[in-house]
Amino acid sequence: MRIIGIDPGYAIMGWGVIDMKGNHFDVVAYDSIFTDKDMPMPDRLKALYTGLMNIIAEYEPEVAAIEELFFNNNAKTAILVGQARGVALLACSNSGIDIAEYTPLQIKQSLTGTGRAEKKQVQFMVKTILNLKEVPKPDDTADALAAAVTHGHSAPGSSRLGRAAHRQALR
């Protein structure tokens, strides 16, 4: 199964593509899409959409694992990130890719065993699980790979979680 993980953001949208074969992951590619802070928001959203569509066309993932919005105290930022998340959902939907959405808590729990893990713990586990030489940068890219791994762990047939966890994750 080929999975694209997406960490939505309007300044930086992290993405990572992995293949899951049995209980083993192979990294295909990962990076981030960047937008310029001086661009009007509609242009930034268009750049994110175009970039993501190009990535999807190139790597042909079967499923997308997208991190759900974590709402902080800044409503304006949350709305802007929500718009970028909508662009990611639209690009995946328009490409015919199944979409699974995971909360930050689910991702932390999947990779570290605890929902209270620090960001550095999650990044270390991404590096370890995917057998990378170093933690992917920027953090958004590592977060996208973490979402992809989470989906792999919760996919039907995975020994890590199971069908019930998969159904829960897709809700």
N, C-alpha and C. Protein backbone atom coordinates (compact mmCIF):
# COMPACT_ATOMS: atom_id res chain seq x y z
N MET A 1 0.85 -1.16 0.00
CA MET A 1 0.00 0.00 0.00
C MET A 1 0.91 1.23 0.00
N ARG A 2 0.61 2.17 -0.87
CA ARG A 2 1.35 3.44 -0.92
C ARG A 2 0.52 4.51 -0.21
N ILE A 3 1.16 5.16 0.77
CA ILE A 3 0.49 6.14 1.62
C ILE A 3 1.19 7.48 1.49
N ILE A 4 0.41 8.54 1.31
CA ILE A 4 0.96 9.89 1.42
C ILE A 4 0.47 10.47 2.74
N GLY A 5 1.41 10.93 3.54
CA GLY A 5 1.08 11.63 4.77
C GLY A 5 1.16 13.12 4.51
N ILE A 6 0.24 13.87 5.07
CA ILE A 6 0.20 15.32 4.86
C ILE A 6 0.02 16.02 6.20
N ASP A 7 0.91 16.97 6.45
CA ASP A 7 0.78 17.85 7.61
C ASP A 7 0.39 19.22 7.06
N PRO A 8 -0.90 19.57 7.13
CA PRO A 8 -1.35 20.79 6.48
C PRO A 8 -0.87 22.06 7.17
N GLY A 9 -0.50 23.01 6.37
CA GLY A 9 -0.12 24.33 6.83
C GLY A 9 -0.13 25.25 5.63
N TYR A 10 -0.29 26.52 5.84
CA TYR A 10 -0.35 27.44 4.69
C TYR A 10 1.01 28.04 4.37
N ALA A 11 1.93 28.08 5.32
CA ALA A 11 3.30 28.54 5.04
C ALA A 11 4.15 27.35 4.61
N ILE A 12 3.96 26.24 5.33
CA ILE A 12 4.68 24.99 5.04
C ILE A 12 3.70 23.84 5.13
N MET A 13 3.58 23.08 4.04
CA MET A 13 2.77 21.87 4.04
C MET A 13 3.73 20.70 3.88
N GLY A 14 3.88 19.92 4.95
CA GLY A 14 4.75 18.75 4.89
C GLY A 14 4.06 17.60 4.20
N TRP A 15 4.85 16.80 3.49
CA TRP A 15 4.31 15.60 2.86
C TRP A 15 5.38 14.51 2.86
N GLY A 16 4.91 13.28 2.86
CA GLY A 16 5.82 12.14 2.79
C GLY A 16 5.08 10.96 2.19
N VAL A 17 5.75 10.25 1.31
CA VAL A 17 5.16 9.08 0.66
C VAL A 17 5.96 7.85 1.11
N ILE A 18 5.22 6.86 1.61
CA ILE A 18 5.85 5.61 2.01
C ILE A 18 5.08 4.43 1.42
N ASP A 19 5.79 3.34 1.24
CA ASP A 19 5.16 2.08 0.84
C ASP A 19 5.15 1.17 2.05
N MET A 20 4.03 0.49 2.25
CA MET A 20 3.93 -0.49 3.33
C MET A 20 3.79 -1.86 2.70
N LYS A 21 4.72 -2.73 3.05
CA LYS A 21 4.70 -4.12 2.57
C LYS A 21 4.71 -5.01 3.80
N GLY A 22 3.58 -5.63 4.09
CA GLY A 22 3.47 -6.39 5.33
C GLY A 22 3.55 -5.42 6.49
N ASN A 23 4.51 -5.61 7.37
CA ASN A 23 4.73 -4.70 8.49
C ASN A 23 5.97 -3.85 8.29
N HIS A 24 6.43 -3.76 7.06
CA HIS A 24 7.66 -3.03 6.75
C HIS A 24 7.34 -1.78 5.93
N PHE A 25 8.02 -0.68 6.25
CA PHE A 25 7.84 0.57 5.53
C PHE A 25 9.07 0.86 4.68
N ASP A 26 8.84 1.32 3.46
CA ASP A 26 9.90 1.84 2.59
C ASP A 26 9.58 3.29 2.28
N VAL A 27 10.55 4.17 2.48
CA VAL A 27 10.36 5.58 2.18
C VAL A 27 10.51 5.78 0.67
N VAL A 28 9.55 6.46 0.08
CA VAL A 28 9.58 6.76 -1.35
C VAL A 28 10.13 8.17 -1.55
N ALA A 29 9.53 9.14 -0.90
CA ALA A 29 9.97 10.54 -1.02
C ALA A 29 9.32 11.36 0.08
N TYR A 30 9.95 12.48 0.41
CA TYR A 30 9.35 13.40 1.38
C TYR A 30 9.96 14.79 1.20
N ASP A 31 9.18 15.79 1.58
CA ASP A 31 9.61 17.18 1.47
C ASP A 31 8.48 18.05 2.03
N SER A 32 8.56 19.31 1.74
CA SER A 32 7.50 20.26 2.12
C SER A 32 7.25 21.20 0.96
N ILE A 33 6.03 21.70 0.91
CA ILE A 33 5.66 22.75 -0.05
C ILE A 33 5.66 24.05 0.75
N PHE A 34 6.38 25.04 0.25
CA PHE A 34 6.50 26.33 0.93
C PHE A 34 5.76 27.40 0.14
N THR A 35 5.14 28.32 0.87
CA THR A 35 4.54 29.49 0.21
C THR A 35 5.14 30.74 0.83
N ASP A 36 5.22 31.77 0.04
CA ASP A 36 5.81 33.04 0.46
C ASP A 36 4.80 33.84 1.28
N LYS A 37 5.25 34.36 2.41
CA LYS A 37 4.36 35.12 3.30
C LYS A 37 3.80 36.38 2.66
N ASP A 38 4.46 36.86 1.60
CA ASP A 38 3.99 38.08 0.93
C ASP A 38 2.95 37.79 -0.16
N MET A 39 2.69 36.52 -0.42
CA MET A 39 1.67 36.17 -1.42
C MET A 39 0.28 36.36 -0.83
N PRO A 40 -0.69 36.79 -1.64
CA PRO A 40 -2.07 36.82 -1.16
C PRO A 40 -2.53 35.38 -0.83
N MET A 41 -3.39 35.25 0.16
CA MET A 41 -3.81 33.92 0.60
C MET A 41 -4.39 33.07 -0.53
N PRO A 42 -5.22 33.60 -1.42
CA PRO A 42 -5.72 32.75 -2.50
C PRO A 42 -4.58 32.18 -3.36
N ASP A 43 -3.53 32.95 -3.58
CA ASP A 43 -2.38 32.46 -4.36
C ASP A 43 -1.61 31.39 -3.59
N ARG A 44 -1.53 31.57 -2.28
CA ARG A 44 -0.85 30.56 -1.47
C ARG A 44 -1.61 29.23 -1.52
N LEU A 45 -2.93 29.31 -1.41
CA LEU A 45 -3.74 28.10 -1.46
C LEU A 45 -3.64 27.43 -2.82
N LYS A 46 -3.62 28.23 -3.86
CA LYS A 46 -3.46 27.68 -5.22
C LYS A 46 -2.11 26.99 -5.36
N ALA A 47 -1.05 27.60 -4.83
CA ALA A 47 0.28 27.00 -4.90
C ALA A 47 0.32 25.67 -4.14
N LEU A 48 -0.32 25.62 -2.98
CA LEU A 48 -0.38 24.38 -2.22
C LEU A 48 -1.12 23.30 -3.00
N TYR A 49 -2.25 23.67 -3.58
CA TYR A 49 -3.05 22.71 -4.34
C TYR A 49 -2.27 22.19 -5.54
N THR A 50 -1.68 23.08 -6.30
CA THR A 50 -0.91 22.69 -7.48
C THR A 50 0.26 21.80 -7.10
N GLY A 51 0.97 22.20 -6.05
CA GLY A 51 2.11 21.39 -5.60
C GLY A 51 1.68 20.00 -5.17
N LEU A 52 0.61 19.92 -4.41
CA LEU A 52 0.13 18.63 -3.93
C LEU A 52 -0.39 17.77 -5.09
N MET A 53 -1.08 18.37 -6.03
CA MET A 53 -1.55 17.62 -7.21
C MET A 53 -0.37 17.05 -8.00
N ASN A 54 0.70 17.82 -8.13
CA ASN A 54 1.89 17.32 -8.84
C ASN A 54 2.52 16.15 -8.10
N ILE A 55 2.59 16.25 -6.78
CA ILE A 55 3.16 15.16 -5.97
C ILE A 55 2.30 13.91 -6.10
N ILE A 56 0.99 14.07 -6.01
CA ILE A 56 0.08 12.93 -6.14
C ILE A 56 0.22 12.29 -7.52
N ALA A 57 0.31 13.11 -8.56
CA ALA A 57 0.46 12.57 -9.92
C ALA A 57 1.77 11.81 -10.06
N GLU A 58 2.83 12.33 -9.45
CA GLU A 58 4.14 11.68 -9.59
C GLU A 58 4.24 10.37 -8.81
N TYR A 59 3.72 10.34 -7.59
CA TYR A 59 3.93 9.18 -6.72
C TYR A 59 2.74 8.23 -6.61
N GLU A 60 1.58 8.66 -7.09
CA GLU A 60 0.37 7.82 -7.17
C GLU A 60 0.04 7.06 -5.88
N PRO A 61 -0.14 7.78 -4.77
CA PRO A 61 -0.52 7.08 -3.53
C PRO A 61 -1.93 6.53 -3.61
N GLU A 62 -2.17 5.49 -2.83
CA GLU A 62 -3.51 4.89 -2.77
C GLU A 62 -4.37 5.52 -1.70
N VAL A 63 -3.72 6.03 -0.67
CA VAL A 63 -4.45 6.59 0.47
C VAL A 63 -3.66 7.77 1.02
N ALA A 64 -4.40 8.72 1.57
CA ALA A 64 -3.78 9.88 2.22
C ALA A 64 -4.09 9.84 3.70
N ALA A 65 -3.07 10.10 4.51
CA ALA A 65 -3.22 10.23 5.95
C ALA A 65 -2.97 11.69 6.28
N ILE A 66 -4.01 12.38 6.71
CA ILE A 66 -3.94 13.83 6.92
C ILE A 66 -4.15 14.14 8.39
N GLU A 67 -3.25 14.94 8.93
CA GLU A 67 -3.37 15.32 10.34
C GLU A 67 -4.55 16.27 10.50
N GLU A 68 -5.35 15.99 11.52
CA GLU A 68 -6.47 16.88 11.82
C GLU A 68 -5.95 18.16 12.46
N LEU A 69 -6.74 19.18 12.36
CA LEU A 69 -6.37 20.49 12.87
C LEU A 69 -6.30 20.48 14.38
N PHE A 70 -5.18 20.96 14.90
CA PHE A 70 -5.03 21.18 16.32
C PHE A 70 -5.32 22.65 16.55
N PHE A 71 -6.38 22.96 17.27
CA PHE A 71 -6.78 24.34 17.48
C PHE A 71 -6.05 24.93 18.66
N ASN A 72 -5.27 25.97 18.39
CA ASN A 72 -4.62 26.67 19.51
C ASN A 72 -5.45 27.90 19.85
N ASN A 73 -4.89 28.81 20.57
CA ASN A 73 -5.64 29.99 21.01
C ASN A 73 -5.79 31.06 19.94
N ASN A 74 -5.08 30.94 18.85
CA ASN A 74 -5.12 31.95 17.80
C ASN A 74 -6.13 31.53 16.73
N ALA A 75 -7.33 32.08 16.79
CA ALA A 75 -8.40 31.70 15.86
C ALA A 75 -8.04 32.02 14.42
N LYS A 76 -7.37 33.15 14.18
CA LYS A 76 -7.01 33.52 12.80
C LYS A 76 -6.07 32.48 12.20
N THR A 77 -5.08 32.06 12.96
CA THR A 77 -4.15 31.03 12.47
C THR A 77 -4.90 29.73 12.22
N ALA A 78 -5.79 29.35 13.12
CA ALA A 78 -6.55 28.12 12.97
C ALA A 78 -7.38 28.15 11.69
N ILE A 79 -7.97 29.28 11.39
CA ILE A 79 -8.77 29.40 10.16
C ILE A 79 -7.89 29.26 8.93
N LEU A 80 -6.73 29.91 8.94
CA LEU A 80 -5.82 29.83 7.80
C LEU A 80 -5.30 28.41 7.59
N VAL A 81 -4.94 27.74 8.69
CA VAL A 81 -4.49 26.35 8.59
C VAL A 81 -5.64 25.47 8.12
N GLY A 82 -6.84 25.76 8.58
CA GLY A 82 -8.02 25.02 8.13
C GLY A 82 -8.25 25.15 6.64
N GLN A 83 -7.97 26.33 6.09
CA GLN A 83 -8.08 26.51 4.65
C GLN A 83 -7.05 25.64 3.92
N ALA A 84 -5.83 25.60 4.43
CA ALA A 84 -4.79 24.77 3.81
C ALA A 84 -5.16 23.29 3.93
N ARG A 85 -5.73 22.92 5.05
CA ARG A 85 -6.17 21.54 5.24
C ARG A 85 -7.27 21.19 4.23
N GLY A 86 -8.17 22.14 4.00
CA GLY A 86 -9.22 21.94 3.00
C GLY A 86 -8.64 21.74 1.61
N VAL A 87 -7.60 22.47 1.29
CA VAL A 87 -6.92 22.31 0.00
C VAL A 87 -6.35 20.89 -0.11
N ALA A 88 -5.73 20.40 0.96
CA ALA A 88 -5.17 19.05 0.95
C ALA A 88 -6.27 18.00 0.76
N LEU A 89 -7.37 18.17 1.49
CA LEU A 89 -8.50 17.26 1.33
C LEU A 89 -9.04 17.28 -0.09
N LEU A 90 -9.16 18.48 -0.66
CA LEU A 90 -9.67 18.62 -2.02
C LEU A 90 -8.74 17.97 -3.04
N ALA A 91 -7.44 18.20 -2.91
CA ALA A 91 -6.48 17.61 -3.85
C ALA A 91 -6.55 16.08 -3.80
N CYS A 92 -6.63 15.53 -2.60
CA CYS A 92 -6.72 14.07 -2.48
C CYS A 92 -8.04 13.55 -3.02
N SER A 93 -9.12 14.22 -2.68
CA SER A 93 -10.44 13.80 -3.15
C SER A 93 -10.53 13.89 -4.68
N ASN A 94 -10.04 14.99 -5.24
CA ASN A 94 -10.07 15.15 -6.69
C ASN A 94 -9.18 14.12 -7.41
N SER A 95 -8.23 13.56 -6.69
CA SER A 95 -7.33 12.55 -7.27
C SER A 95 -7.84 11.14 -7.04
N GLY A 96 -8.98 11.01 -6.37
CA GLY A 96 -9.57 9.70 -6.14
C GLY A 96 -8.87 8.89 -5.07
N ILE A 97 -8.18 9.56 -4.17
CA ILE A 97 -7.44 8.88 -3.10
C ILE A 97 -8.33 8.77 -1.87
N ASP A 98 -8.33 7.59 -1.25
CA ASP A 98 -9.02 7.44 0.03
C ASP A 98 -8.31 8.32 1.05
N ILE A 99 -9.07 8.86 1.99
CA ILE A 99 -8.53 9.78 2.98
C ILE A 99 -8.81 9.26 4.38
N ALA A 100 -7.76 9.23 5.19
CA ALA A 100 -7.88 8.91 6.61
C ALA A 100 -7.37 10.13 7.37
N GLU A 101 -8.05 10.49 8.44
CA GLU A 101 -7.67 11.66 9.21
C GLU A 101 -7.32 11.22 10.63
N TYR A 102 -6.23 11.79 11.15
CA TYR A 102 -5.73 11.41 12.46
C TYR A 102 -5.47 12.65 13.30
N THR A 103 -5.84 12.57 14.56
CA THR A 103 -5.56 13.65 15.48
C THR A 103 -4.08 13.59 15.89
N PRO A 104 -3.53 14.71 16.36
CA PRO A 104 -2.16 14.66 16.88
C PRO A 104 -2.00 13.61 17.97
N LEU A 105 -3.02 13.44 18.82
CA LEU A 105 -2.97 12.43 19.89
C LEU A 105 -2.85 11.03 19.31
N GLN A 106 -3.63 10.72 18.28
CA GLN A 106 -3.57 9.39 17.65
C GLN A 106 -2.19 9.15 17.04
N ILE A 107 -1.62 10.16 16.42
CA ILE A 107 -0.31 10.02 15.79
C ILE A 107 0.76 9.77 16.85
N LYS A 108 0.73 10.56 17.92
CA LYS A 108 1.71 10.38 19.01
C LYS A 108 1.57 8.98 19.61
N GLN A 109 0.36 8.57 19.84
CA GLN A 109 0.12 7.26 20.46
C GLN A 109 0.59 6.14 19.53
N SER A 110 0.34 6.27 18.25
CA SER A 110 0.72 5.24 17.29
C SER A 110 2.23 5.07 17.22
N LEU A 111 2.96 6.17 17.25
CA LEU A 111 4.41 6.09 17.08
C LEU A 111 5.17 5.85 18.38
N THR A 112 4.65 6.37 19.50
CA THR A 112 5.42 6.29 20.74
C THR A 112 4.75 5.46 21.83
N GLY A 113 3.47 5.16 21.65
CA GLY A 113 2.75 4.42 22.68
C GLY A 113 2.06 5.31 23.70
N THR A 114 2.29 6.63 23.60
CA THR A 114 1.62 7.55 24.52
C THR A 114 1.17 8.80 23.77
N GLY A 115 -0.01 9.28 24.10
CA GLY A 115 -0.53 10.48 23.47
C GLY A 115 0.09 11.76 24.02
N ARG A 116 0.91 11.62 25.04
CA ARG A 116 1.54 12.79 25.66
C ARG A 116 3.01 12.95 25.24
N ALA A 117 3.40 12.26 24.19
CA ALA A 117 4.80 12.31 23.73
C ALA A 117 5.19 13.71 23.27
N GLU A 118 6.43 14.04 23.48
CA GLU A 118 7.00 15.31 22.99
C GLU A 118 7.25 15.18 21.49
N LYS A 119 7.29 16.31 20.81
CA LYS A 119 7.54 16.34 19.37
C LYS A 119 8.85 15.62 19.02
N LYS A 120 9.89 15.81 19.83
CA LYS A 120 11.19 15.18 19.57
C LYS A 120 11.10 13.66 19.65
N GLN A 121 10.25 13.14 20.54
CA GLN A 121 10.06 11.69 20.64
C GLN A 121 9.41 11.16 19.36
N VAL A 122 8.41 11.86 18.86
CA VAL A 122 7.73 11.45 17.63
C VAL A 122 8.72 11.48 16.47
N GLN A 123 9.50 12.55 16.38
CA GLN A 123 10.48 12.67 15.30
C GLN A 123 11.52 11.55 15.36
N PHE A 124 11.97 11.23 16.56
CA PHE A 124 12.93 10.14 16.73
C PHE A 124 12.33 8.82 16.24
N MET A 125 11.06 8.59 16.56
CA MET A 125 10.41 7.35 16.13
C MET A 125 10.21 7.31 14.61
N VAL A 126 9.93 8.47 13.99
CA VAL A 126 9.83 8.52 12.53
C VAL A 126 11.17 8.08 11.93
N LYS A 127 12.25 8.65 12.44
CA LYS A 127 13.59 8.31 11.97
C LYS A 127 13.87 6.82 12.16
N THR A 128 13.52 6.29 13.31
CA THR A 128 13.80 4.89 13.63
C THR A 128 12.95 3.94 12.81
N ILE A 129 11.65 4.15 12.81
CA ILE A 129 10.72 3.26 12.10
C ILE A 129 11.02 3.23 10.61
N LEU A 130 11.34 4.39 10.04
CA LEU A 130 11.59 4.47 8.60
C LEU A 130 13.06 4.27 8.24
N ASN A 131 13.89 3.98 9.25
CA ASN A 131 15.30 3.70 9.04
C ASN A 131 16.00 4.84 8.28
N LEU A 132 15.76 6.06 8.73
CA LEU A 132 16.37 7.23 8.11
C LEU A 132 17.65 7.59 8.86
N LYS A 133 18.57 8.23 8.18
CA LYS A 133 19.83 8.63 8.80
C LYS A 133 19.64 9.78 9.77
N GLU A 134 18.67 10.65 9.47
CA GLU A 134 18.40 11.78 10.35
C GLU A 134 16.91 12.12 10.33
N VAL A 135 16.49 12.91 11.28
CA VAL A 135 15.10 13.34 11.35
C VAL A 135 14.83 14.28 10.18
N PRO A 136 13.76 14.03 9.41
CA PRO A 136 13.44 14.92 8.28
C PRO A 136 13.17 16.34 8.76
N LYS A 137 13.59 17.29 8.00
CA LYS A 137 13.38 18.71 8.27
C LYS A 137 12.63 19.32 7.11
N PRO A 138 11.82 20.33 7.31
CA PRO A 138 11.41 20.88 8.60
C PRO A 138 10.50 19.92 9.36
N ASP A 139 10.11 20.33 10.56
CA ASP A 139 9.26 19.51 11.42
C ASP A 139 7.99 19.06 10.69
N ASP A 140 7.47 19.90 9.80
CA ASP A 140 6.23 19.59 9.08
C ASP A 140 6.39 18.33 8.23
N THR A 141 7.59 18.13 7.68
CA THR A 141 7.85 16.95 6.88
C THR A 141 7.86 15.71 7.75
N ALA A 142 8.52 15.79 8.90
CA ALA A 142 8.53 14.67 9.85
C ALA A 142 7.11 14.36 10.32
N ASP A 143 6.32 15.39 10.56
CA ASP A 143 4.93 15.20 11.00
C ASP A 143 4.10 14.50 9.91
N ALA A 144 4.35 14.84 8.66
CA ALA A 144 3.64 14.19 7.56
C ALA A 144 3.99 12.70 7.49
N LEU A 145 5.27 12.39 7.63
CA LEU A 145 5.68 10.98 7.64
C LEU A 145 5.08 10.25 8.84
N ALA A 146 4.98 10.93 9.98
CA ALA A 146 4.36 10.33 11.16
C ALA A 146 2.90 9.98 10.88
N ALA A 147 2.19 10.85 10.18
CA ALA A 147 0.80 10.56 9.82
C ALA A 147 0.71 9.34 8.91
N ALA A 148 1.63 9.25 7.95
CA ALA A 148 1.64 8.10 7.03
C ALA A 148 1.90 6.80 7.79
N VAL A 149 2.87 6.82 8.70
CA VAL A 149 3.18 5.63 9.50
C VAL A 149 1.97 5.26 10.36
N THR A 150 1.31 6.26 10.93
CA THR A 150 0.12 5.99 11.74
C THR A 150 -0.93 5.24 10.93
N HIS A 151 -1.13 5.67 9.70
CA HIS A 151 -2.10 4.96 8.87
C HIS A 151 -1.64 3.53 8.60
N GLY A 152 -0.36 3.37 8.34
CA GLY A 152 0.15 2.02 8.14
C GLY A 152 -0.07 1.13 9.34
N HIS A 153 0.14 1.68 10.53
CA HIS A 153 -0.07 0.91 11.76
C HIS A 153 -1.53 0.57 11.97
N SER A 154 -2.43 1.39 11.48
CA SER A 154 -3.85 1.17 11.75
C SER A 154 -4.59 0.54 10.58
N ALA A 155 -3.87 0.26 9.49
CA ALA A 155 -4.51 -0.33 8.31
C ALA A 155 -4.98 -1.75 8.62
N PRO A 156 -6.08 -2.18 8.00
CA PRO A 156 -6.55 -3.55 8.23
C PRO A 156 -5.43 -4.54 7.91
N GLY A 157 -5.28 -5.52 8.80
CA GLY A 157 -4.25 -6.52 8.60
C GLY A 157 -2.94 -6.17 9.29
N SER A 158 -2.78 -4.94 9.75
CA SER A 158 -1.57 -4.55 10.44
C SER A 158 -1.55 -5.22 11.81
N SER A 159 -0.40 -5.72 12.21
CA SER A 159 -0.31 -6.36 13.52
C SER A 159 -0.24 -5.33 14.64
N ARG A 160 0.04 -4.08 14.30
CA ARG A 160 0.23 -3.04 15.33
C ARG A 160 -1.10 -2.66 15.99
N LEU A 161 -2.10 -2.41 15.21
CA LEU A 161 -3.40 -2.05 15.77
C LEU A 161 -4.40 -3.07 15.24
N GLY A 162 -5.33 -2.86 14.59
CA GLY A 162 -6.24 -3.87 14.10
C GLY A 162 -7.41 -3.22 13.45
N ARG A 163 -8.33 -4.02 13.03
CA ARG A 163 -9.48 -3.50 12.28
C ARG A 163 -10.29 -2.50 13.10
N ALA A 164 -10.47 -2.76 14.37
CA ALA A 164 -11.25 -1.83 15.19
C ALA A 164 -10.57 -0.47 15.26
N ALA A 165 -9.26 -0.47 15.43
CA ALA A 165 -8.52 0.80 15.47
C ALA A 165 -8.58 1.50 14.12
N HIS A 166 -8.54 0.73 13.05
CA HIS A 166 -8.63 1.33 11.72
C HIS A 166 -9.99 2.00 11.53
N ARG A 167 -11.05 1.31 11.90
CA ARG A 167 -12.38 1.92 11.77
C ARG A 167 -12.47 3.17 12.61
N GLN A 168 -11.93 3.12 13.83
CA GLN A 168 -11.94 4.29 14.73
C GLN A 168 -11.19 5.45 14.09
N ALA A 169 -10.04 5.17 13.49
CA ALA A 169 -9.21 6.22 12.90
C ALA A 169 -9.89 6.86 11.70
N LEU A 170 -10.69 6.10 10.99
CA LEU A 170 -11.34 6.64 9.80
C LEU A 170 -12.59 7.45 10.13
N ARG A 171 -13.03 7.44 11.38
CA ARG A 171 -14.22 8.21 11.76
C ARG A 171 -13.92 9.67 11.84
